[in-house]
């Protein structure tokens, strides 16, 4: 089984990715690869931030790796928080503070439409590839559920009446933006590199 380094220190994302890729690849985290760095996300697009992370890890290890960047894009807020989703309320990266700011900014707004968008940057055999996954939905008026992370307690995907935080990970994966991007990555590798 081929090994892929996942360029993240976010254990919640690792759990989600392993739930999708575990049968096809051995996914190891930065920590498991012996890499103790926090890669900056200085750019103004998800694509550029994902590339920054995968490129950094590839230059350090020369091994196949991938990274992802995800943003919540709210229609009535002109795409905010977007690329700044993790630090929407400041650099302390507090999920609760971010949600509080989002709900405050949406107070009295009728349009609650939003989408999660994930961009994966894969470096495999010295070449880079991008994969995108999108999940459309809406923002609730209040938190619901205790599972997941980030904005999951206030996001209901289209086709469901539950927030992501009310779902088990297997149910979330039926809708997940991250899973959609990962499936594209898997299909690419299966077709081009004969992974199974």
C-alpha atoms as a PDB file:
ATOM      1  CA  UNK A   1       0.000   0.000   0.000  1.00  0.00           C
ATOM      2  CA  UNK A   2       1.394   3.379  -1.007  1.00  0.00           C
ATOM      3  CA  UNK A   3       2.008   6.026   1.620  1.00  0.00           C
ATOM      4  CA  UNK A   4       0.840   9.624   1.283  1.00  0.00           C
ATOM      5  CA  UNK A   5       1.855  12.367   3.686  1.00  0.00           C
ATOM      6  CA  UNK A   6      -1.105  14.566   4.582  1.00  0.00           C
ATOM      7  CA  UNK A   7       0.281  18.051   5.170  1.00  0.00           C
ATOM      8  CA  UNK A   8      -1.740  18.983   8.217  1.00  0.00           C
ATOM      9  CA  UNK A   9      -1.657  19.072  11.999  1.00  0.00           C
ATOM     10  CA  UNK A  10      -5.483  19.130  12.220  1.00  0.00           C
ATOM     11  CA  UNK A  11      -6.493  15.770  13.709  1.00  0.00           C
ATOM     12  CA  UNK A  12     -10.165  16.317  12.801  1.00  0.00           C
ATOM     13  CA  UNK A  13      -9.238  16.550   9.125  1.00  0.00           C
ATOM     14  CA  UNK A  14      -6.984  13.490   9.432  1.00  0.00           C
ATOM     15  CA  UNK A  15      -9.890  11.456  10.832  1.00  0.00           C
ATOM     16  CA  UNK A  16     -12.140  12.498   7.942  1.00  0.00           C
ATOM     17  CA  UNK A  17      -9.501  11.779   5.312  1.00  0.00           C
ATOM     18  CA  UNK A  18      -8.648   8.369   6.745  1.00  0.00           C
ATOM     19  CA  UNK A  19     -12.343   7.453   6.766  1.00  0.00           C
ATOM     20  CA  UNK A  20     -12.307   7.895   2.984  1.00  0.00           C
ATOM     21  CA  UNK A  21      -8.788   6.829   1.949  1.00  0.00           C
ATOM     22  CA  UNK A  22      -7.870   4.122   4.470  1.00  0.00           C
ATOM     23  CA  UNK A  23      -8.561   1.228   2.077  1.00  0.00           C
ATOM     24  CA  UNK A  24      -6.414   2.675  -0.691  1.00  0.00           C
ATOM     25  CA  UNK A  25      -3.503   4.456   0.973  1.00  0.00           C
ATOM     26  CA  UNK A  26      -1.517   4.627   4.164  1.00  0.00           C
ATOM     27  CA  UNK A  27      -2.114   8.207   5.263  1.00  0.00           C
ATOM     28  CA  UNK A  28       0.471   9.628   7.644  1.00  0.00           C
ATOM     29  CA  UNK A  29       0.341  12.985   9.354  1.00  0.00           C
ATOM     30  CA  UNK A  30       3.142  15.514   9.585  1.00  0.00           C
ATOM     31  CA  UNK A  31       3.794  14.403  13.149  1.00  0.00           C
ATOM     32  CA  UNK A  32       3.952  10.747  12.107  1.00  0.00           C
ATOM     33  CA  UNK A  33       6.378  11.733   9.354  1.00  0.00           C
ATOM     34  CA  UNK A  34       8.583  13.408  11.955  1.00  0.00           C
ATOM     35  CA  UNK A  35       7.805  16.920  10.723  1.00  0.00           C
ATOM     36  CA  UNK A  36       7.140  19.506  13.412  1.00  0.00           C
ATOM     37  CA  UNK A  37       6.173  22.686  11.610  1.00  0.00           C
ATOM     38  CA  UNK A  38       3.099  24.860  11.274  1.00  0.00           C
ATOM     39  CA  UNK A  39       2.854  25.826   7.616  1.00  0.00           C
ATOM     40  CA  UNK A  40       1.523  29.363   7.036  1.00  0.00           C
ATOM     41  CA  UNK A  41      -1.546  30.052   4.925  1.00  0.00           C
ATOM     42  CA  UNK A  42      -0.737  33.579   3.714  1.00  0.00           C
ATOM     43  CA  UNK A  43      -2.544  33.597   0.378  1.00  0.00           C
ATOM     44  CA  UNK A  44      -5.931  34.912  -0.678  1.00  0.00           C
ATOM     45  CA  UNK A  45      -7.167  31.749  -2.425  1.00  0.00           C
ATOM     46  CA  UNK A  46      -7.742  28.203  -1.229  1.00  0.00           C
ATOM     47  CA  UNK A  47      -5.737  26.909  -4.180  1.00  0.00           C
ATOM     48  CA  UNK A  48      -2.651  28.950  -3.292  1.00  0.00           C
ATOM     49  CA  UNK A  49      -2.772  27.971   0.376  1.00  0.00           C
ATOM     50  CA  UNK A  50      -3.135  24.282  -0.480  1.00  0.00           C
ATOM     51  CA  UNK A  51      -0.195  24.553  -2.869  1.00  0.00           C
ATOM     52  CA  UNK A  52       1.922  26.299  -0.227  1.00  0.00           C
ATOM     53  CA  UNK A  53       1.436  23.401   2.176  1.00  0.00           C
ATOM     54  CA  UNK A  54       2.018  20.528  -0.242  1.00  0.00           C
ATOM     55  CA  UNK A  55       5.010  22.239  -1.844  1.00  0.00           C
ATOM     56  CA  UNK A  56       6.603  22.859   1.572  1.00  0.00           C
ATOM     57  CA  UNK A  57       6.265  19.212   2.593  1.00  0.00           C
ATOM     58  CA  UNK A  58       7.457  17.888  -0.758  1.00  0.00           C
ATOM     59  CA  UNK A  59      10.561  20.076  -0.621  1.00  0.00           C
ATOM     60  CA  UNK A  60      11.302  18.756   2.865  1.00  0.00           C
ATOM     61  CA  UNK A  61      10.683  15.064   2.174  1.00  0.00           C
ATOM     62  CA  UNK A  62      10.705  14.474  -1.616  1.00  0.00           C
ATOM     63  CA  UNK A  63       7.806  12.093  -0.945  1.00  0.00           C
ATOM     64  CA  UNK A  64       4.304  11.943  -2.388  1.00  0.00           C
ATOM     65  CA  UNK A  65       2.048  14.212  -0.365  1.00  0.00           C
ATOM     66  CA  UNK A  66      -1.119  16.227  -0.431  1.00  0.00           C
ATOM     67  CA  UNK A  67      -2.712  19.091   1.422  1.00  0.00           C
ATOM     68  CA  UNK A  68      -6.067  20.765   1.442  1.00  0.00           C
ATOM     69  CA  UNK A  69      -7.571  24.109   2.257  1.00  0.00           C
ATOM     70  CA  UNK A  70     -11.250  24.529   2.980  1.00  0.00           C
ATOM     71  CA  UNK A  71     -13.427  27.593   3.246  1.00  0.00           C
ATOM     72  CA  UNK A  72     -17.018  28.349   4.143  1.00  0.00           C
ATOM     73  CA  UNK A  73     -18.423  30.777   1.578  1.00  0.00           C
ATOM     74  CA  UNK A  74     -21.621  32.599   2.577  1.00  0.00           C
ATOM     75  CA  UNK A  75     -23.565  34.135  -0.279  1.00  0.00           C
ATOM     76  CA  UNK A  76     -24.959  37.223   1.437  1.00  0.00           C
ATOM     77  CA  UNK A  77     -21.526  37.970   2.947  1.00  0.00           C
ATOM     78  CA  UNK A  78     -19.965  38.026  -0.535  1.00  0.00           C
ATOM     79  CA  UNK A  79     -18.097  34.772   0.030  1.00  0.00           C
ATOM     80  CA  UNK A  80     -16.894  35.427   3.571  1.00  0.00           C
ATOM     81  CA  UNK A  81     -15.328  33.962   5.616  1.00  0.00           C
ATOM     82  CA  UNK A  82     -13.849  32.041   2.668  1.00  0.00           C
ATOM     83  CA  UNK A  83     -10.093  31.632   2.739  1.00  0.00           C
ATOM     84  CA  UNK A  84     -10.056  33.167   6.238  1.00  0.00           C
ATOM     85  CA  UNK A  85     -12.512  30.638   7.674  1.00  0.00           C
ATOM     86  CA  UNK A  86     -10.127  29.259  10.307  1.00  0.00           C
ATOM     87  CA  UNK A  87      -9.200  32.750  11.540  1.00  0.00           C
ATOM     88  CA  UNK A  88     -12.451  34.588  10.877  1.00  0.00           C
ATOM     89  CA  UNK A  89     -12.622  36.017  14.404  1.00  0.00           C
ATOM     90  CA  UNK A  90      -8.865  36.440  14.830  1.00  0.00           C
ATOM     91  CA  UNK A  91      -5.604  34.522  14.904  1.00  0.00           C
ATOM     92  CA  UNK A  92      -6.507  32.414  17.950  1.00  0.00           C
ATOM     93  CA  UNK A  93      -8.385  29.991  15.639  1.00  0.00           C
ATOM     94  CA  UNK A  94     -11.332  29.505  18.008  1.00  0.00           C
ATOM     95  CA  UNK A  95     -14.228  27.562  16.465  1.00  0.00           C
ATOM     96  CA  UNK A  96     -16.706  29.149  18.878  1.00  0.00           C
ATOM     97  CA  UNK A  97     -15.506  32.696  18.235  1.00  0.00           C
ATOM     98  CA  UNK A  98     -15.688  32.129  14.480  1.00  0.00           C
ATOM     99  CA  UNK A  99     -19.256  30.838  14.724  1.00  0.00           C
ATOM    100  CA  UNK A 100     -20.266  33.722  16.994  1.00  0.00           C
ATOM    101  CA  UNK A 101     -18.962  36.240  14.467  1.00  0.00           C
ATOM    102  CA  UNK A 102     -20.676  34.452  11.574  1.00  0.00           C
ATOM    103  CA  UNK A 103     -24.059  34.326  13.320  1.00  0.00           C
ATOM    104  CA  UNK A 104     -23.741  37.983  14.316  1.00  0.00           C
ATOM    105  CA  UNK A 105     -22.976  38.989  10.730  1.00  0.00           C
ATOM    106  CA  UNK A 106     -26.005  37.014   9.529  1.00  0.00           C
ATOM    107  CA  UNK A 107     -28.374  38.408  12.133  1.00  0.00           C
ATOM    108  CA  UNK A 108     -31.681  39.425  10.483  1.00  0.00           C
ATOM    109  CA  UNK A 109     -30.452  38.162   7.073  1.00  0.00           C
ATOM    110  CA  UNK A 110     -33.036  36.131   5.181  1.00  0.00           C
ATOM    111  CA  UNK A 111     -30.559  34.620   2.722  1.00  0.00           C
ATOM    112  CA  UNK A 112     -28.658  31.919   4.637  1.00  0.00           C
ATOM    113  CA  UNK A 113     -27.244  30.145   1.564  1.00  0.00           C
ATOM    114  CA  UNK A 114     -23.641  28.981   1.926  1.00  0.00           C
ATOM    115  CA  UNK A 115     -21.238  26.390   0.654  1.00  0.00           C
ATOM    116  CA  UNK A 116     -18.179  24.576   1.874  1.00  0.00           C
ATOM    117  CA  UNK A 117     -15.412  24.349  -0.706  1.00  0.00           C
ATOM    118  CA  UNK A 118     -12.321  22.154  -0.411  1.00  0.00           C
ATOM    119  CA  UNK A 119      -9.283  22.326  -2.683  1.00  0.00           C
ATOM    120  CA  UNK A 120      -6.696  19.532  -2.565  1.00  0.00           C
ATOM    121  CA  UNK A 121      -3.164  19.949  -3.863  1.00  0.00           C
ATOM    122  CA  UNK A 122      -1.505  16.603  -4.605  1.00  0.00           C
ATOM    123  CA  UNK A 123       2.161  16.227  -5.445  1.00  0.00           C
ATOM    124  CA  UNK A 124       2.709  12.739  -6.858  1.00  0.00           C
ATOM    125  CA  UNK A 125       5.763  11.637  -8.807  1.00  0.00           C
ATOM    126  CA  UNK A 126       7.056  15.237  -8.828  1.00  0.00           C
ATOM    127  CA  UNK A 127       3.895  16.666 -10.439  1.00  0.00           C
ATOM    128  CA  UNK A 128       1.136  18.763  -8.875  1.00  0.00           C
ATOM    129  CA  UNK A 129      -2.597  18.250  -9.354  1.00  0.00           C
ATOM    130  CA  UNK A 130      -5.667  20.007  -7.942  1.00  0.00           C
ATOM    131  CA  UNK A 131      -9.058  18.573  -6.960  1.00  0.00           C
ATOM    132  CA  UNK A 132     -12.114  20.481  -5.756  1.00  0.00           C
ATOM    133  CA  UNK A 133     -15.167  19.465  -3.746  1.00  0.00           C
ATOM    134  CA  UNK A 134     -18.222  21.617  -2.991  1.00  0.00           C
ATOM    135  CA  UNK A 135     -21.136  21.119  -0.614  1.00  0.00           C
ATOM    136  CA  UNK A 136     -24.029  23.569  -0.857  1.00  0.00           C
ATOM    137  CA  UNK A 137     -26.271  24.274   2.095  1.00  0.00           C
ATOM    138  CA  UNK A 138     -27.398  26.927   4.530  1.00  0.00           C
ATOM    139  CA  UNK A 139     -26.427  28.477   7.864  1.00  0.00           C
ATOM    140  CA  UNK A 140     -28.714  27.890  10.851  1.00  0.00           C
ATOM    141  CA  UNK A 141     -29.759  30.500  13.408  1.00  0.00           C
ATOM    142  CA  UNK A 142     -28.090  28.610  16.255  1.00  0.00           C
ATOM    143  CA  UNK A 143     -25.711  25.751  16.988  1.00  0.00           C
ATOM    144  CA  UNK A 144     -27.019  22.202  16.734  1.00  0.00           C
ATOM    145  CA  UNK A 145     -25.076  19.010  17.429  1.00  0.00           C
ATOM    146  CA  UNK A 146     -21.823  18.084  19.120  1.00  0.00           C
ATOM    147  CA  UNK A 147     -19.910  16.200  16.422  1.00  0.00           C
ATOM    148  CA  UNK A 148     -17.507  17.485  13.792  1.00  0.00           C
ATOM    149  CA  UNK A 149     -15.503  20.691  14.026  1.00  0.00           C
ATOM    150  CA  UNK A 150     -15.306  24.213  12.683  1.00  0.00           C
ATOM    151  CA  UNK A 151     -18.626  25.515  11.381  1.00  0.00           C
ATOM    152  CA  UNK A 152     -20.288  22.071  11.433  1.00  0.00           C
ATOM    153  CA  UNK A 153     -22.795  23.014  14.193  1.00  0.00           C
ATOM    154  CA  UNK A 154     -24.337  25.769  12.040  1.00  0.00           C
ATOM    155  CA  UNK A 155     -24.208  24.242   8.529  1.00  0.00           C
ATOM    156  CA  UNK A 156     -27.029  22.135   7.069  1.00  0.00           C
ATOM    157  CA  UNK A 157     -26.164  20.573   3.691  1.00  0.00           C
ATOM    158  CA  UNK A 158     -28.753  20.563   0.921  1.00  0.00           C
ATOM    159  CA  UNK A 159     -30.761  17.343   1.082  1.00  0.00           C
ATOM    160  CA  UNK A 160     -30.674  17.073   4.872  1.00  0.00           C
ATOM    161  CA  UNK A 161     -32.406  18.623   7.864  1.00  0.00           C
ATOM    162  CA  UNK A 162     -29.412  18.051  10.160  1.00  0.00           C
ATOM    163  CA  UNK A 163     -26.280  20.082  10.679  1.00  0.00           C
ATOM    164  CA  UNK A 164     -22.948  18.375  10.040  1.00  0.00           C
ATOM    165  CA  UNK A 165     -22.448  18.385  13.818  1.00  0.00           C
ATOM    166  CA  UNK A 166     -25.605  16.278  14.260  1.00  0.00           C
ATOM    167  CA  UNK A 167     -24.238  13.591  11.928  1.00  0.00           C
ATOM    168  CA  UNK A 168     -21.940  10.633  12.430  1.00  0.00           C
ATOM    169  CA  UNK A 169     -18.913  10.857  10.133  1.00  0.00           C
ATOM    170  CA  UNK A 170     -20.326   8.188   7.793  1.00  0.00           C
ATOM    171  CA  UNK A 171     -23.471  10.268   7.315  1.00  0.00           C
ATOM    172  CA  UNK A 172     -21.485  13.466   6.890  1.00  0.00           C
ATOM    173  CA  UNK A 173     -19.427  11.769   4.176  1.00  0.00           C
ATOM    174  CA  UNK A 174     -22.578  11.407   2.051  1.00  0.00           C
ATOM    175  CA  UNK A 175     -22.549  15.187   1.640  1.00  0.00           C
ATOM    176  CA  UNK A 176     -19.004  16.240   2.492  1.00  0.00           C
ATOM    177  CA  UNK A 177     -17.092  18.668   0.307  1.00  0.00           C
ATOM    178  CA  UNK A 178     -13.875  17.103   1.562  1.00  0.00           C
ATOM    179  CA  UNK A 179     -15.026  13.621   0.581  1.00  0.00           C
ATOM    180  CA  UNK A 180     -15.989  14.837  -2.909  1.00  0.00           C
ATOM    181  CA  UNK A 181     -12.505  16.265  -3.423  1.00  0.00           C
ATOM    182  CA  UNK A 182     -10.908  13.097  -2.019  1.00  0.00           C
ATOM    183  CA  UNK A 183     -12.942  10.893  -4.351  1.00  0.00           C
ATOM    184  CA  UNK A 184     -11.591  12.861  -7.304  1.00  0.00           C
ATOM    185  CA  UNK A 185      -8.074  12.354  -5.950  1.00  0.00           C
ATOM    186  CA  UNK A 186      -8.654   8.601  -5.547  1.00  0.00           C
ATOM    187  CA  UNK A 187     -10.092   8.266  -9.043  1.00  0.00           C
ATOM    188  CA  UNK A 188      -7.136  10.153 -10.493  1.00  0.00           C
ATOM    189  CA  UNK A 189      -4.632   7.922  -8.730  1.00  0.00           C
ATOM    190  CA  UNK A 190      -6.517   4.749  -9.654  1.00  0.00           C
ATOM    191  CA  UNK A 191      -6.636   5.704 -13.333  1.00  0.00           C
ATOM    192  CA  UNK A 192      -3.121   7.071 -13.638  1.00  0.00           C
ATOM    193  CA  UNK A 193      -1.144   4.993 -11.177  1.00  0.00           C
ATOM    194  CA  UNK A 194      -3.120   1.781 -10.870  1.00  0.00           C
ATOM    195  CA  UNK A 195      -3.836   2.138  -7.170  1.00  0.00           C
ATOM    196  CA  UNK A 196      -6.459  -0.157  -5.718  1.00  0.00           C
END
